Amino acid sequence: MSTRFIHWSIVVLLAVGITVLQQFTGPVVGIMMLALRILIIAGLVYFAYTLWRNNRARLQWLTGRRKLLFYGAAALIVLVVIGSFFITWTLMSTLWFFVVIGGCGYVMWRIWRDTAGWY
């Protein structure tokens, strides 16, 4: 078996386990999921801050338009993630969530990649 298959099997088993637990102990799993969301957001904030701190010399050379795009995409990601706490999840809202996050991430990555030979 490949390593990838094993990793996805673990993820699927965890998802099934959480779903089954939620059927029997609804409020407890709800509180656990809220704590997990907060921990994930805290981890993402720390990761983003570390990336920014390590690359701010590179980002200072961006033009005004590129800075606006870069930081605007970052702000949109923050708004979407915070807004995800307040929506009812459907298939379409989930798809739009990932489309917006992926699109903004691509814009940020593309701008960062274009600065590779500037300094």
PDB file of N, CA and C in Angstrom:
ATOM      1  N   MET A   1       0.843  -1.193   0.000  1.00  0.00           N
ATOM      2  CA  MET A   1       0.000   0.000   0.000  1.00  0.00           C
ATOM      3  C   MET A   1       0.878   1.243   0.000  1.00  0.00           C
ATOM      4  N   SER A   2       0.364   2.247  -0.658  1.00  0.00           N
ATOM      5  CA  SER A   2       1.128   3.491  -0.697  1.00  0.00           C
ATOM      6  C   SER A   2       0.882   4.302   0.575  1.00  0.00           C
ATOM      7  N   THR A   3       1.804   5.176   0.843  1.00  0.00           N
ATOM      8  CA  THR A   3       1.706   6.036   2.024  1.00  0.00           C
ATOM      9  C   THR A   3       0.508   6.971   1.904  1.00  0.00           C
ATOM     10  N   ARG A   4       0.256   7.429   0.699  1.00  0.00           N
ATOM     11  CA  ARG A   4      -0.866   8.333   0.465  1.00  0.00           C
ATOM     12  C   ARG A   4      -2.198   7.662   0.829  1.00  0.00           C
ATOM     13  N   PHE A   5      -2.340   6.412   0.443  1.00  0.00           N
ATOM     14  CA  PHE A   5      -3.562   5.672   0.754  1.00  0.00           C
ATOM     15  C   PHE A   5      -3.742   5.536   2.262  1.00  0.00           C
ATOM     16  N   ILE A   6      -2.675   5.271   2.962  1.00  0.00           N
ATOM     17  CA  ILE A   6      -2.748   5.123   4.417  1.00  0.00           C
ATOM     18  C   ILE A   6      -3.152   6.444   5.065  1.00  0.00           C
ATOM     19  N   HIS A   7      -2.563   7.553   4.592  1.00  0.00           N
ATOM     20  CA  HIS A   7      -2.917   8.858   5.159  1.00  0.00           C
ATOM     21  C   HIS A   7      -4.390   9.179   4.918  1.00  0.00           C
ATOM     22  N   TRP A   8      -4.876   8.951   3.717  1.00  0.00           N
ATOM     23  CA  TRP A   8      -6.291   9.227   3.441  1.00  0.00           C
ATOM     24  C   TRP A   8      -7.210   8.289   4.219  1.00  0.00           C
ATOM     25  N   SER A   9      -6.779   7.058   4.427  1.00  0.00           N
ATOM     26  CA  SER A   9      -7.580   6.131   5.232  1.00  0.00           C
ATOM     27  C   SER A   9      -7.720   6.631   6.659  1.00  0.00           C
ATOM     28  N   ILE A  10      -6.647   7.169   7.210  1.00  0.00           N
ATOM     29  CA  ILE A  10      -6.694   7.717   8.570  1.00  0.00           C
ATOM     30  C   ILE A  10      -7.650   8.899   8.627  1.00  0.00           C
ATOM     31  N   VAL A  11      -7.584   9.778   7.628  1.00  0.00           N
ATOM     32  CA  VAL A  11      -8.479  10.937   7.595  1.00  0.00           C
ATOM     33  C   VAL A  11      -9.940  10.496   7.499  1.00  0.00           C
ATOM     34  N   VAL A  12     -10.216   9.520   6.652  1.00  0.00           N
ATOM     35  CA  VAL A  12     -11.590   9.024   6.502  1.00  0.00           C
ATOM     36  C   VAL A  12     -12.066   8.377   7.796  1.00  0.00           C
ATOM     37  N   LEU A  13     -11.220   7.589   8.438  1.00  0.00           N
ATOM     38  CA  LEU A  13     -11.604   6.956   9.706  1.00  0.00           C
ATOM     39  C   LEU A  13     -11.877   7.999  10.791  1.00  0.00           C
ATOM     40  N   LEU A  14     -11.068   9.041  10.850  1.00  0.00           N
ATOM     41  CA  LEU A  14     -11.317  10.108  11.819  1.00  0.00           C
ATOM     42  C   LEU A  14     -12.638  10.813  11.534  1.00  0.00           C
ATOM     43  N   ALA A  15     -12.920  11.078  10.265  1.00  0.00           N
ATOM     44  CA  ALA A  15     -14.174  11.733   9.909  1.00  0.00           C
ATOM     45  C   ALA A  15     -15.372  10.861  10.263  1.00  0.00           C
ATOM     46  N   VAL A  16     -15.277   9.582   9.994  1.00  0.00           N
ATOM     47  CA  VAL A  16     -16.367   8.664  10.354  1.00  0.00           C
ATOM     48  C   VAL A  16     -16.520   8.596  11.868  1.00  0.00           C
ATOM     49  N   GLY A  17     -15.403   8.533  12.576  1.00  0.00           N
ATOM     50  CA  GLY A  17     -15.454   8.488  14.044  1.00  0.00           C
ATOM     51  C   GLY A  17     -16.098   9.727  14.632  1.00  0.00           C
ATOM     52  N   ILE A  18     -15.752  10.889  14.121  1.00  0.00           N
ATOM     53  CA  ILE A  18     -16.339  12.135  14.622  1.00  0.00           C
ATOM     54  C   ILE A  18     -17.828  12.184  14.313  1.00  0.00           C
ATOM     55  N   THR A  19     -18.207  11.735  13.117  1.00  0.00           N
ATOM     56  CA  THR A  19     -19.629  11.723  12.755  1.00  0.00           C
ATOM     57  C   THR A  19     -20.423  10.790  13.663  1.00  0.00           C
ATOM     58  N   VAL A  20     -19.894   9.621  13.940  1.00  0.00           N
ATOM     59  CA  VAL A  20     -20.583   8.669  14.819  1.00  0.00           C
ATOM     60  C   VAL A  20     -20.664   9.230  16.240  1.00  0.00           C
ATOM     61  N   LEU A  21     -19.581   9.818  16.728  1.00  0.00           N
ATOM     62  CA  LEU A  21     -19.582  10.407  18.067  1.00  0.00           C
ATOM     63  C   LEU A  21     -20.610  11.532  18.173  1.00  0.00           C
ATOM     64  N   GLN A  22     -20.732  12.302  17.111  1.00  0.00           N
ATOM     65  CA  GLN A  22     -21.660  13.429  17.144  1.00  0.00           C
ATOM     66  C   GLN A  22     -23.109  12.954  17.258  1.00  0.00           C
ATOM     67  N   GLN A  23     -23.400  11.778  16.727  1.00  0.00           N
ATOM     68  CA  GLN A  23     -24.751  11.248  16.818  1.00  0.00           C
ATOM     69  C   GLN A  23     -25.111  10.880  18.264  1.00  0.00           C
ATOM     70  N   PHE A  24     -24.120  10.460  19.029  1.00  0.00           N
ATOM     71  CA  PHE A  24     -24.384  10.018  20.398  1.00  0.00           C
ATOM     72  C   PHE A  24     -24.136  11.104  21.440  1.00  0.00           C
ATOM     73  N   THR A  25     -23.153  11.944  21.221  1.00  0.00           N
ATOM     74  CA  THR A  25     -22.798  12.978  22.200  1.00  0.00           C
ATOM     75  C   THR A  25     -22.701  14.327  21.502  1.00  0.00           C
ATOM     76  N   GLY A  26     -23.801  14.821  20.973  1.00  0.00           N
ATOM     77  CA  GLY A  26     -23.835  16.033  20.171  1.00  0.00           C
ATOM     78  C   GLY A  26     -23.133  17.244  20.760  1.00  0.00           C
ATOM     79  N   PRO A  27     -23.517  17.717  21.944  1.00  0.00           N
ATOM     80  CA  PRO A  27     -22.903  18.948  22.466  1.00  0.00           C
ATOM     81  C   PRO A  27     -21.411  18.816  22.762  1.00  0.00           C
ATOM     82  N   VAL A  28     -20.978  17.659  23.217  1.00  0.00           N
ATOM     83  CA  VAL A  28     -19.567  17.474  23.555  1.00  0.00           C
ATOM     84  C   VAL A  28     -18.710  17.575  22.295  1.00  0.00           C
ATOM     85  N   VAL A  29     -19.135  16.910  21.238  1.00  0.00           N
ATOM     86  CA  VAL A  29     -18.381  16.962  19.989  1.00  0.00           C
ATOM     87  C   VAL A  29     -18.457  18.364  19.393  1.00  0.00           C
ATOM     88  N   GLY A  30     -19.566  19.053  19.555  1.00  0.00           N
ATOM     89  CA  GLY A  30     -19.684  20.430  19.075  1.00  0.00           C
ATOM     90  C   GLY A  30     -18.664  21.344  19.749  1.00  0.00           C
ATOM     91  N   ILE A  31     -18.501  21.185  21.041  1.00  0.00           N
ATOM     92  CA  ILE A  31     -17.510  21.988  21.776  1.00  0.00           C
ATOM     93  C   ILE A  31     -16.098  21.600  21.341  1.00  0.00           C
ATOM     94  N   MET A  32     -15.854  20.311  21.154  1.00  0.00           N
ATOM     95  CA  MET A  32     -14.541  19.864  20.689  1.00  0.00           C
ATOM     96  C   MET A  32     -14.234  20.425  19.292  1.00  0.00           C
ATOM     97  N   MET A  33     -15.220  20.446  18.418  1.00  0.00           N
ATOM     98  CA  MET A  33     -15.012  20.967  17.073  1.00  0.00           C
ATOM     99  C   MET A  33     -14.755  22.472  17.099  1.00  0.00           C
ATOM    100  N   LEU A  34     -15.427  23.190  17.975  1.00  0.00           N
ATOM    101  CA  LEU A  34     -15.178  24.625  18.105  1.00  0.00           C
ATOM    102  C   LEU A  34     -13.752  24.874  18.599  1.00  0.00           C
ATOM    103  N   ALA A  35     -13.313  24.101  19.574  1.00  0.00           N
ATOM    104  CA  ALA A  35     -11.939  24.237  20.065  1.00  0.00           C
ATOM    105  C   ALA A  35     -10.938  23.885  18.966  1.00  0.00           C
ATOM    106  N   LEU A  36     -11.245  22.870  18.186  1.00  0.00           N
ATOM    107  CA  LEU A  36     -10.368  22.481  17.079  1.00  0.00           C
ATOM    108  C   LEU A  36     -10.307  23.588  16.027  1.00  0.00           C
ATOM    109  N   ARG A  37     -11.430  24.218  15.721  1.00  0.00           N
ATOM    110  CA  ARG A  37     -11.440  25.341  14.780  1.00  0.00           C
ATOM    111  C   ARG A  37     -10.556  26.484  15.269  1.00  0.00           C
ATOM    112  N   ILE A  38     -10.688  26.802  16.541  1.00  0.00           N
ATOM    113  CA  ILE A  38      -9.892  27.897  17.103  1.00  0.00           C
ATOM    114  C   ILE A  38      -8.405  27.557  17.048  1.00  0.00           C
ATOM    115  N   LEU A  39      -8.046  26.310  17.359  1.00  0.00           N
ATOM    116  CA  LEU A  39      -6.647  25.902  17.290  1.00  0.00           C
ATOM    117  C   LEU A  39      -6.117  25.945  15.858  1.00  0.00           C
ATOM    118  N   ILE A  40      -6.922  25.535  14.901  1.00  0.00           N
ATOM    119  CA  ILE A  40      -6.495  25.581  13.502  1.00  0.00           C
ATOM    120  C   ILE A  40      -6.288  27.014  13.061  1.00  0.00           C
ATOM    121  N   ILE A  41      -7.202  27.902  13.420  1.00  0.00           N
ATOM    122  CA  ILE A  41      -7.056  29.309  13.051  1.00  0.00           C
ATOM    123  C   ILE A  41      -5.822  29.919  13.721  1.00  0.00           C
ATOM    124  N   ALA A  42      -5.588  29.585  14.979  1.00  0.00           N
ATOM    125  CA  ALA A  42      -4.397  30.096  15.665  1.00  0.00           C
ATOM    126  C   ALA A  42      -3.122  29.589  14.980  1.00  0.00           C
ATOM    127  N   GLY A  43      -3.117  28.343  14.572  1.00  0.00           N
ATOM    128  CA  GLY A  43      -1.964  27.797  13.855  1.00  0.00           C
ATOM    129  C   GLY A  43      -1.749  28.476  12.511  1.00  0.00           C
ATOM    130  N   LEU A  44      -2.830  28.729  11.789  1.00  0.00           N
ATOM    131  CA  LEU A  44      -2.716  29.423  10.504  1.00  0.00           C
ATOM    132  C   LEU A  44      -2.235  30.855  10.677  1.00  0.00           C
ATOM    133  N   VAL A  45      -2.707  31.531  11.719  1.00  0.00           N
ATOM    134  CA  VAL A  45      -2.259  32.901  11.984  1.00  0.00           C
ATOM    135  C   VAL A  45      -0.765  32.918  12.296  1.00  0.00           C
ATOM    136  N   TYR A  46      -0.311  31.994  13.120  1.00  0.00           N
ATOM    137  CA  TYR A  46       1.117  31.920  13.443  1.00  0.00           C
ATOM    138  C   TYR A  46       1.948  31.620  12.196  1.00  0.00           C
ATOM    139  N   PHE A  47       1.475  30.687  11.370  1.00  0.00           N
ATOM    140  CA  PHE A  47       2.174  30.336  10.139  1.00  0.00           C
ATOM    141  C   PHE A  47       2.250  31.535   9.198  1.00  0.00           C
ATOM    142  N   ALA A  48       1.144  32.256   9.033  1.00  0.00           N
ATOM    143  CA  ALA A  48       1.120  33.426   8.152  1.00  0.00           C
ATOM    144  C   ALA A  48       2.047  34.524   8.680  1.00  0.00           C
ATOM    145  N   TYR A  49       2.029  34.742   9.987  1.00  0.00           N
ATOM    146  CA  TYR A  49       2.908  35.756  10.577  1.00  0.00           C
ATOM    147  C   TYR A  49       4.371  35.400  10.373  1.00  0.00           C
ATOM    148  N   THR A  50       4.715  34.135  10.551  1.00  0.00           N
ATOM    149  CA  THR A  50       6.095  33.700  10.362  1.00  0.00           C
ATOM    150  C   THR A  50       6.532  33.892   8.909  1.00  0.00           C
ATOM    151  N   LEU A  51       5.649  33.527   7.971  1.00  0.00           N
ATOM    152  CA  LEU A  51       5.969  33.738   6.556  1.00  0.00           C
ATOM    153  C   LEU A  51       6.163  35.219   6.251  1.00  0.00           C
ATOM    154  N   TRP A  52       5.285  36.048   6.776  1.00  0.00           N
ATOM    155  CA  TRP A  52       5.386  37.488   6.525  1.00  0.00           C
ATOM    156  C   TRP A  52       6.676  38.050   7.116  1.00  0.00           C
ATOM    157  N   ARG A  53       6.983  37.647   8.353  1.00  0.00           N
ATOM    158  CA  ARG A  53       8.180  38.160   9.018  1.00  0.00           C
ATOM    159  C   ARG A  53       9.444  37.763   8.271  1.00  0.00           C
ATOM    160  N   ASN A  54       9.495  36.543   7.754  1.00  0.00           N
ATOM    161  CA  ASN A  54      10.677  36.079   7.045  1.00  0.00           C
ATOM    162  C   ASN A  54      10.803  36.672   5.642  1.00  0.00           C
ATOM    163  N   ASN A  55       9.714  37.180   5.077  1.00  0.00           N
ATOM    164  CA  ASN A  55       9.732  37.672   3.702  1.00  0.00           C
ATOM    165  C   ASN A  55       9.389  39.146   3.574  1.00  0.00           C
ATOM    166  N   ARG A  56       9.369  39.894   4.658  1.00  0.00           N
ATOM    167  CA  ARG A  56       8.958  41.291   4.548  1.00  0.00           C
ATOM    168  C   ARG A  56       9.960  42.135   3.780  1.00  0.00           C
ATOM    169  N   ALA A  57      11.235  41.771   3.780  1.00  0.00           N
ATOM    170  CA  ALA A  57      12.206  42.505   2.965  1.00  0.00           C
ATOM    171  C   ALA A  57      11.895  42.324   1.484  1.00  0.00           C
ATOM    172  N   ARG A  58      11.468  41.153   1.126  1.00  0.00           N
ATOM    173  CA  ARG A  58      11.096  40.871  -0.261  1.00  0.00           C
ATOM    174  C   ARG A  58       9.801  41.594  -0.630  1.00  0.00           C
ATOM    175  N   LEU A  59       8.868  41.665   0.300  1.00  0.00           N
ATOM    176  CA  LEU A  59       7.572  42.281   0.016  1.00  0.00           C
ATOM    177  C   LEU A  59       7.637  43.804  -0.030  1.00  0.00           C
ATOM    178  N   GLN A  60       8.630  44.396   0.581  1.00  0.00           N
ATOM    179  CA  GLN A  60       8.712  45.861   0.575  1.00  0.00           C
ATOM    180  C   GLN A  60       9.023  46.403  -0.809  1.00  0.00           C
ATOM    181  N   TRP A  61       9.563  45.585  -1.707  1.00  0.00           N
ATOM    182  CA  TRP A  61       9.916  46.037  -3.040  1.00  0.00           C
ATOM    183  C   TRP A  61       8.754  45.932  -4.027  1.00  0.00           C
ATOM    184  N   LEU A  62       7.604  45.467  -3.567  1.00  0.00           N
ATOM    185  CA  LEU A  62       6.447  45.366  -4.460  1.00  0.00           C
ATOM    186  C   LEU A  62       5.942  46.747  -4.851  1.00  0.00           C
ATOM    187  N   THR A  63       5.373  46.831  -6.049  1.00  0.00           N
ATOM    188  CA  THR A  63       4.744  48.079  -6.464  1.00  0.00           C
ATOM    189  C   THR A  63       3.461  48.276  -5.658  1.00  0.00           C
ATOM    190  N   GLY A  64       2.901  49.468  -5.730  1.00  0.00           N
ATOM    191  CA  GLY A  64       1.682  49.754  -4.981  1.00  0.00           C
ATOM    192  C   GLY A  64       0.524  48.848  -5.370  1.00  0.00           C
ATOM    193  N   ARG A  65       0.383  48.573  -6.660  1.00  0.00           N
ATOM    194  CA  ARG A  65      -0.704  47.709  -7.134  1.00  0.00           C
ATOM    195  C   ARG A  65      -0.529  46.280  -6.626  1.00  0.00           C
ATOM    196  N   ARG A  66       0.696  45.777  -6.680  1.00  0.00           N
ATOM    197  CA  ARG A  66       0.948  44.411  -6.214  1.00  0.00           C
ATOM    198  C   ARG A  66       0.773  44.293  -4.704  1.00  0.00           C
ATOM    199  N   LYS A  67       1.187  45.313  -3.971  1.00  0.00           N
ATOM    200  CA  LYS A  67       0.952  45.300  -2.520  1.00  0.00           C
ATOM    201  C   LYS A  67      -0.538  45.260  -2.225  1.00  0.00           C
ATOM    202  N   LEU A  68      -1.305  46.077  -2.968  1.00  0.00           N
ATOM    203  CA  LEU A  68      -2.753  46.099  -2.779  1.00  0.00           C
ATOM    204  C   LEU A  68      -3.363  44.733  -3.063  1.00  0.00           C
ATOM    205  N   LEU A  69      -2.941  44.095  -4.150  1.00  0.00           N
ATOM    206  CA  LEU A  69      -3.437  42.754  -4.470  1.00  0.00           C
ATOM    207  C   LEU A  69      -3.029  41.734  -3.416  1.00  0.00           C
ATOM    208  N   PHE A  70      -1.777  41.776  -3.013  1.00  0.00           N
ATOM    209  CA  PHE A  70      -1.262  40.793  -2.054  1.00  0.00           C
ATOM    210  C   PHE A  70      -1.975  40.902  -0.711  1.00  0.00           C
ATOM    211  N   TYR A  71      -1.976  42.119  -0.150  1.00  0.00           N
ATOM    212  CA  TYR A  71      -2.595  42.285   1.162  1.00  0.00           C
ATOM    213  C   TYR A  71      -4.122  42.237   1.083  1.00  0.00           C
ATOM    214  N   GLY A  72      -4.689  42.614  -0.059  1.00  0.00           N
ATOM    215  CA  GLY A  72      -6.136  42.479  -0.246  1.00  0.00           C
ATOM    216  C   GLY A  72      -6.561  41.020  -0.271  1.00  0.00           C
ATOM    217  N   ALA A  73      -5.777  40.180  -0.949  1.00  0.00           N
ATOM    218  CA  ALA A  73      -6.066  38.737  -0.968  1.00  0.00           C
ATOM    219  C   ALA A  73      -5.942  38.146   0.435  1.00  0.00           C
ATOM    220  N   ALA A  74      -4.936  38.577   1.177  1.00  0.00           N
ATOM    221  CA  ALA A  74      -4.775  38.091   2.554  1.00  0.00           C
ATOM    222  C   ALA A  74      -5.958  38.517   3.422  1.00  0.00           C
ATOM    223  N   ALA A  75      -6.403  39.770   3.258  1.00  0.00           N
ATOM    224  CA  ALA A  75      -7.550  40.252   4.041  1.00  0.00           C
ATOM    225  C   ALA A  75      -8.825  39.494   3.665  1.00  0.00           C
ATOM    226  N   LEU A  76      -8.993  39.182   2.380  1.00  0.00           N
ATOM    227  CA  LEU A  76     -10.174  38.423   1.962  1.00  0.00           C
ATOM    228  C   LEU A  76     -10.154  37.018   2.546  1.00  0.00           C
ATOM    229  N   ILE A  77      -8.982  36.399   2.612  1.00  0.00           N
ATOM    230  CA  ILE A  77      -8.883  35.076   3.235  1.00  0.00           C
ATOM    231  C   ILE A  77      -9.294  35.157   4.704  1.00  0.00           C
ATOM    232  N   VAL A  78      -8.813  36.183   5.401  1.00  0.00           N
ATOM    233  CA  VAL A  78      -9.159  36.350   6.821  1.00  0.00           C
ATOM    234  C   VAL A  78     -10.666  36.529   6.971  1.00  0.00           C
ATOM    235  N   LEU A  79     -11.272  37.364   6.133  1.00  0.00           N
ATOM    236  CA  LEU A  79     -12.720  37.590   6.213  1.00  0.00           C
ATOM    237  C   LEU A  79     -13.517  36.323   5.933  1.00  0.00           C
ATOM    238  N   VAL A  80     -13.083  35.551   4.953  1.00  0.00           N
ATOM    239  CA  VAL A  80     -13.800  34.313   4.614  1.00  0.00           C
ATOM    240  C   VAL A  80     -13.684  33.299   5.745  1.00  0.00           C
ATOM    241  N   VAL A  81     -12.506  33.182   6.330  1.00  0.00           N
ATOM    242  CA  VAL A  81     -12.327  32.212   7.423  1.00  0.00           C
ATOM    243  C   VAL A  81     -13.144  32.637   8.644  1.00  0.00           C
ATOM    244  N   ILE A  82     -13.132  33.920   8.973  1.00  0.00           N
ATOM    245  CA  ILE A  82     -13.939  34.385  10.106  1.00  0.00           C
ATOM    246  C   ILE A  82     -15.425  34.236   9.802  1.00  0.00           C
ATOM    247  N   GLY A  83     -15.812  34.548   8.573  1.00  0.00           N
ATOM    248  CA  GLY A  83     -17.213  34.405   8.184  1.00  0.00           C
ATOM    249  C   GLY A  83     -17.689  32.971   8.168  1.00  0.00           C
ATOM    250  N   SER A  84     -16.768  32.030   8.041  1.00  0.00           N
ATOM    251  CA  SER A  84     -17.159  30.620   8.003  1.00  0.00           C
ATOM    252  C   SER A  84     -17.756  30.152   9.327  1.00  0.00           C
ATOM    253  N   PHE A  85     -17.504  30.899  10.419  1.00  0.00           N
ATOM    254  CA  PHE A  85     -18.104  30.549  11.699  1.00  0.00           C
ATOM    255  C   PHE A  85     -19.600  30.849  11.726  1.00  0.00           C
ATOM    256  N   PHE A  86     -20.049  31.753  10.861  1.00  0.00           N
ATOM    257  CA  PHE A  86     -21.403  32.262  10.960  1.00  0.00           C
ATOM    258  C   PHE A  86     -22.331  31.807   9.842  1.00  0.00           C
ATOM    259  N   ILE A  87     -21.903  30.879   8.987  1.00  0.00           N
ATOM    260  CA  ILE A  87     -22.773  30.447   7.898  1.00  0.00           C
ATOM    261  C   ILE A  87     -23.226  29.019   8.130  1.00  0.00           C
ATOM    262  N   THR A  88     -24.297  28.676   7.447  1.00  0.00           N
ATOM    263  CA  THR A  88     -24.764  27.301   7.437  1.00  0.00           C
ATOM    264  C   THR A  88     -24.110  26.630   6.237  1.00  0.00           C
ATOM    265  N   TRP A  89     -23.424  25.543   6.475  1.00  0.00           N
ATOM    266  CA  TRP A  89     -22.660  24.902   5.415  1.00  0.00           C
ATOM    267  C   TRP A  89     -23.547  24.065   4.519  1.00  0.00           C
ATOM    268  N   THR A  90     -23.457  24.339   3.238  1.00  0.00           N
ATOM    269  CA  THR A  90     -24.084  23.519   2.202  1.00  0.00           C
ATOM    270  C   THR A  90     -22.983  23.152   1.215  1.00  0.00           C
ATOM    271  N   LEU A  91     -23.347  22.389   0.217  1.00  0.00           N
ATOM    272  CA  LEU A  91     -22.351  22.020  -0.785  1.00  0.00           C
ATOM    273  C   LEU A  91     -21.827  23.250  -1.509  1.00  0.00           C
ATOM    274  N   MET A  92     -22.717  24.157  -1.893  1.00  0.00           N
ATOM    275  CA  MET A  92     -22.300  25.348  -2.628  1.00  0.00           C
ATOM    276  C   MET A  92     -21.454  26.283  -1.760  1.00  0.00           C
ATOM    277  N   SER A  93     -21.831  26.455  -0.498  1.00  0.00           N
ATOM    278  CA  SER A  93     -21.026  27.340   0.365  1.00  0.00           C
ATOM    279  C   SER A  93     -19.640  26.749   0.602  1.00  0.00           C
ATOM    280  N   THR A  94     -19.550  25.440   0.706  1.00  0.00           N
ATOM    281  CA  THR A  94     -18.259  24.793   0.872  1.00  0.00           C
ATOM    282  C   THR A  94     -17.400  24.961  -0.382  1.00  0.00           C
ATOM    283  N   LEU A  95     -18.019  24.769  -1.542  1.00  0.00           N
ATOM    284  CA  LEU A  95     -17.280  24.946  -2.788  1.00  0.00           C
ATOM    285  C   LEU A  95     -16.796  26.383  -2.946  1.00  0.00           C
ATOM    286  N   TRP A  96     -17.658  27.362  -2.657  1.00  0.00           N
ATOM    287  CA  TRP A  96     -17.253  28.761  -2.758  1.00  0.00           C
ATOM    288  C   TRP A  96     -16.156  29.100  -1.768  1.00  0.00           C
ATOM    289  N   PHE A  97     -16.222  28.524  -0.582  1.00  0.00           N
ATOM    290  CA  PHE A  97     -15.183  28.727   0.427  1.00  0.00           C
ATOM    291  C   PHE A  97     -13.817  28.324  -0.133  1.00  0.00           C
ATOM    292  N   PHE A  98     -13.750  27.109  -0.677  1.00  0.00           N
ATOM    293  CA  PHE A  98     -12.474  26.639  -1.197  1.00  0.00           C
ATOM    294  C   PHE A  98     -12.050  27.360  -2.471  1.00  0.00           C
ATOM    295  N   VAL A  99     -13.006  27.781  -3.297  1.00  0.00           N
ATOM    296  CA  VAL A  99     -12.661  28.541  -4.501  1.00  0.00           C
ATOM    297  C   VAL A  99     -12.056  29.891  -4.128  1.00  0.00           C
ATOM    298  N   VAL A 100     -12.665  30.584  -3.161  1.00  0.00           N
ATOM    299  CA  VAL A 100     -12.147  31.893  -2.751  1.00  0.00           C
ATOM    300  C   VAL A 100     -10.789  31.744  -2.072  1.00  0.00           C
ATOM    301  N   ILE A 101     -10.659  30.793  -1.165  1.00  0.00           N
ATOM    302  CA  ILE A 101      -9.379  30.579  -0.492  1.00  0.00           C
ATOM    303  C   ILE A 101      -8.306  30.188  -1.497  1.00  0.00           C
ATOM    304  N   GLY A 102      -8.631  29.278  -2.384  1.00  0.00           N
ATOM    305  CA  GLY A 102      -7.657  28.852  -3.398  1.00  0.00           C
ATOM    306  C   GLY A 102      -7.273  29.974  -4.348  1.00  0.00           C
ATOM    307  N   GLY A 103      -8.255  30.761  -4.789  1.00  0.00           N
ATOM    308  CA  GLY A 103      -7.970  31.870  -5.687  1.00  0.00           C
ATOM    309  C   GLY A 103      -7.097  32.929  -5.041  1.00  0.00           C
ATOM    310  N   CYS A 104      -7.426  33.287  -3.824  1.00  0.00           N
ATOM    311  CA  CYS A 104      -6.611  34.285  -3.107  1.00  0.00           C
ATOM    312  C   CYS A 104      -5.214  33.745  -2.821  1.00  0.00           C
ATOM    313  N   GLY A 105      -5.133  32.490  -2.454  1.00  0.00           N
ATOM    314  CA  GLY A 105      -3.823  31.878  -2.227  1.00  0.00           C
ATOM    315  C   GLY A 105      -2.988  31.859  -3.491  1.00  0.00           C
ATOM    316  N   TYR A 106      -3.627  31.594  -4.627  1.00  0.00           N
ATOM    317  CA  TYR A 106      -2.901  31.599  -5.900  1.00  0.00           C
ATOM    318  C   TYR A 106      -2.390  32.998  -6.231  1.00  0.00           C
ATOM    319  N   VAL A 107      -3.228  34.011  -6.023  1.00  0.00           N
ATOM    320  CA  VAL A 107      -2.800  35.390  -6.284  1.00  0.00           C
ATOM    321  C   VAL A 107      -1.597  35.742  -5.412  1.00  0.00           C
ATOM    322  N   MET A 108      -1.664  35.396  -4.136  1.00  0.00           N
ATOM    323  CA  MET A 108      -0.559  35.703  -3.235  1.00  0.00           C
ATOM    324  C   MET A 108       0.704  34.941  -3.624  1.00  0.00           C
ATOM    325  N   TRP A 109       0.578  33.669  -3.969  1.00  0.00           N
ATOM    326  CA  TRP A 109       1.730  32.869  -4.361  1.00  0.00           C
ATOM    327  C   TRP A 109       2.348  33.407  -5.639  1.00  0.00           C
ATOM    328  N   ARG A 110       1.502  33.775  -6.595  1.00  0.00           N
ATOM    329  CA  ARG A 110       1.996  34.280  -7.880  1.00  0.00           C
ATOM    330  C   ARG A 110       2.767  35.598  -7.700  1.00  0.00           C
ATOM    331  N   ILE A 111       2.244  36.491  -6.891  1.00  0.00           N
ATOM    332  CA  ILE A 111       2.939  37.755  -6.644  1.00  0.00           C
ATOM    333  C   ILE A 111       4.260  37.496  -5.927  1.00  0.00           C
ATOM    334  N   TRP A 112       4.257  36.609  -4.943  1.00  0.00           N
ATOM    335  CA  TRP A 112       5.481  36.286  -4.216  1.00  0.00           C
ATOM    336  C   TRP A 112       6.513  35.648  -5.139  1.00  0.00           C
ATOM    337  N   ARG A 113       6.076  34.759  -6.034  1.00  0.00           N
ATOM    338  CA  ARG A 113       6.983  34.091  -6.959  1.00  0.00           C
ATOM    339  C   ARG A 113       7.602  35.079  -7.946  1.00  0.00           C
ATOM    340  N   ASP A 114       6.835  36.079  -8.352  1.00  0.00           N
ATOM    341  CA  ASP A 114       7.343  37.070  -9.305  1.00  0.00           C
ATOM    342  C   ASP A 114       8.456  37.920  -8.710  1.00  0.00           C
ATOM    343  N   THR A 115       8.565  37.965  -7.396  1.00  0.00           N
ATOM    344  CA  THR A 115       9.609  38.772  -6.763  1.00  0.00           C
ATOM    345  C   THR A 115      10.900  37.992  -6.564  1.00  0.00           C
ATOM    346  N   ALA A 116      10.986  36.788  -7.074  1.00  0.00           N
ATOM    347  CA  ALA A 116      12.133  35.905  -6.792  1.00  0.00           C
ATOM    348  C   ALA A 116      13.472  36.503  -7.210  1.00  0.00           C
ATOM    349  N   GLY A 117      13.546  37.234  -8.307  1.00  0.00           N
ATOM    350  CA  GLY A 117      14.831  37.738  -8.758  1.00  0.00           C
ATOM    351  C   GLY A 117      15.038  39.219  -8.524  1.00  0.00           C
ATOM    352  N   TRP A 118      14.233  39.826  -7.681  1.00  0.00           N
ATOM    353  CA  TRP A 118      14.272  41.275  -7.526  1.00  0.00           C
ATOM    354  C   TRP A 118      15.376  41.770  -6.626  1.00  0.00           C
ATOM    355  N   TYR A 119      15.840  40.961  -5.719  1.00  0.00           N
ATOM    356  CA  TYR A 119      16.840  41.480  -4.779  1.00  0.00           C
ATOM    357  C   TYR A 119      18.005  40.562  -4.654  1.00  0.00           C
TER     358      TYR A 119
END
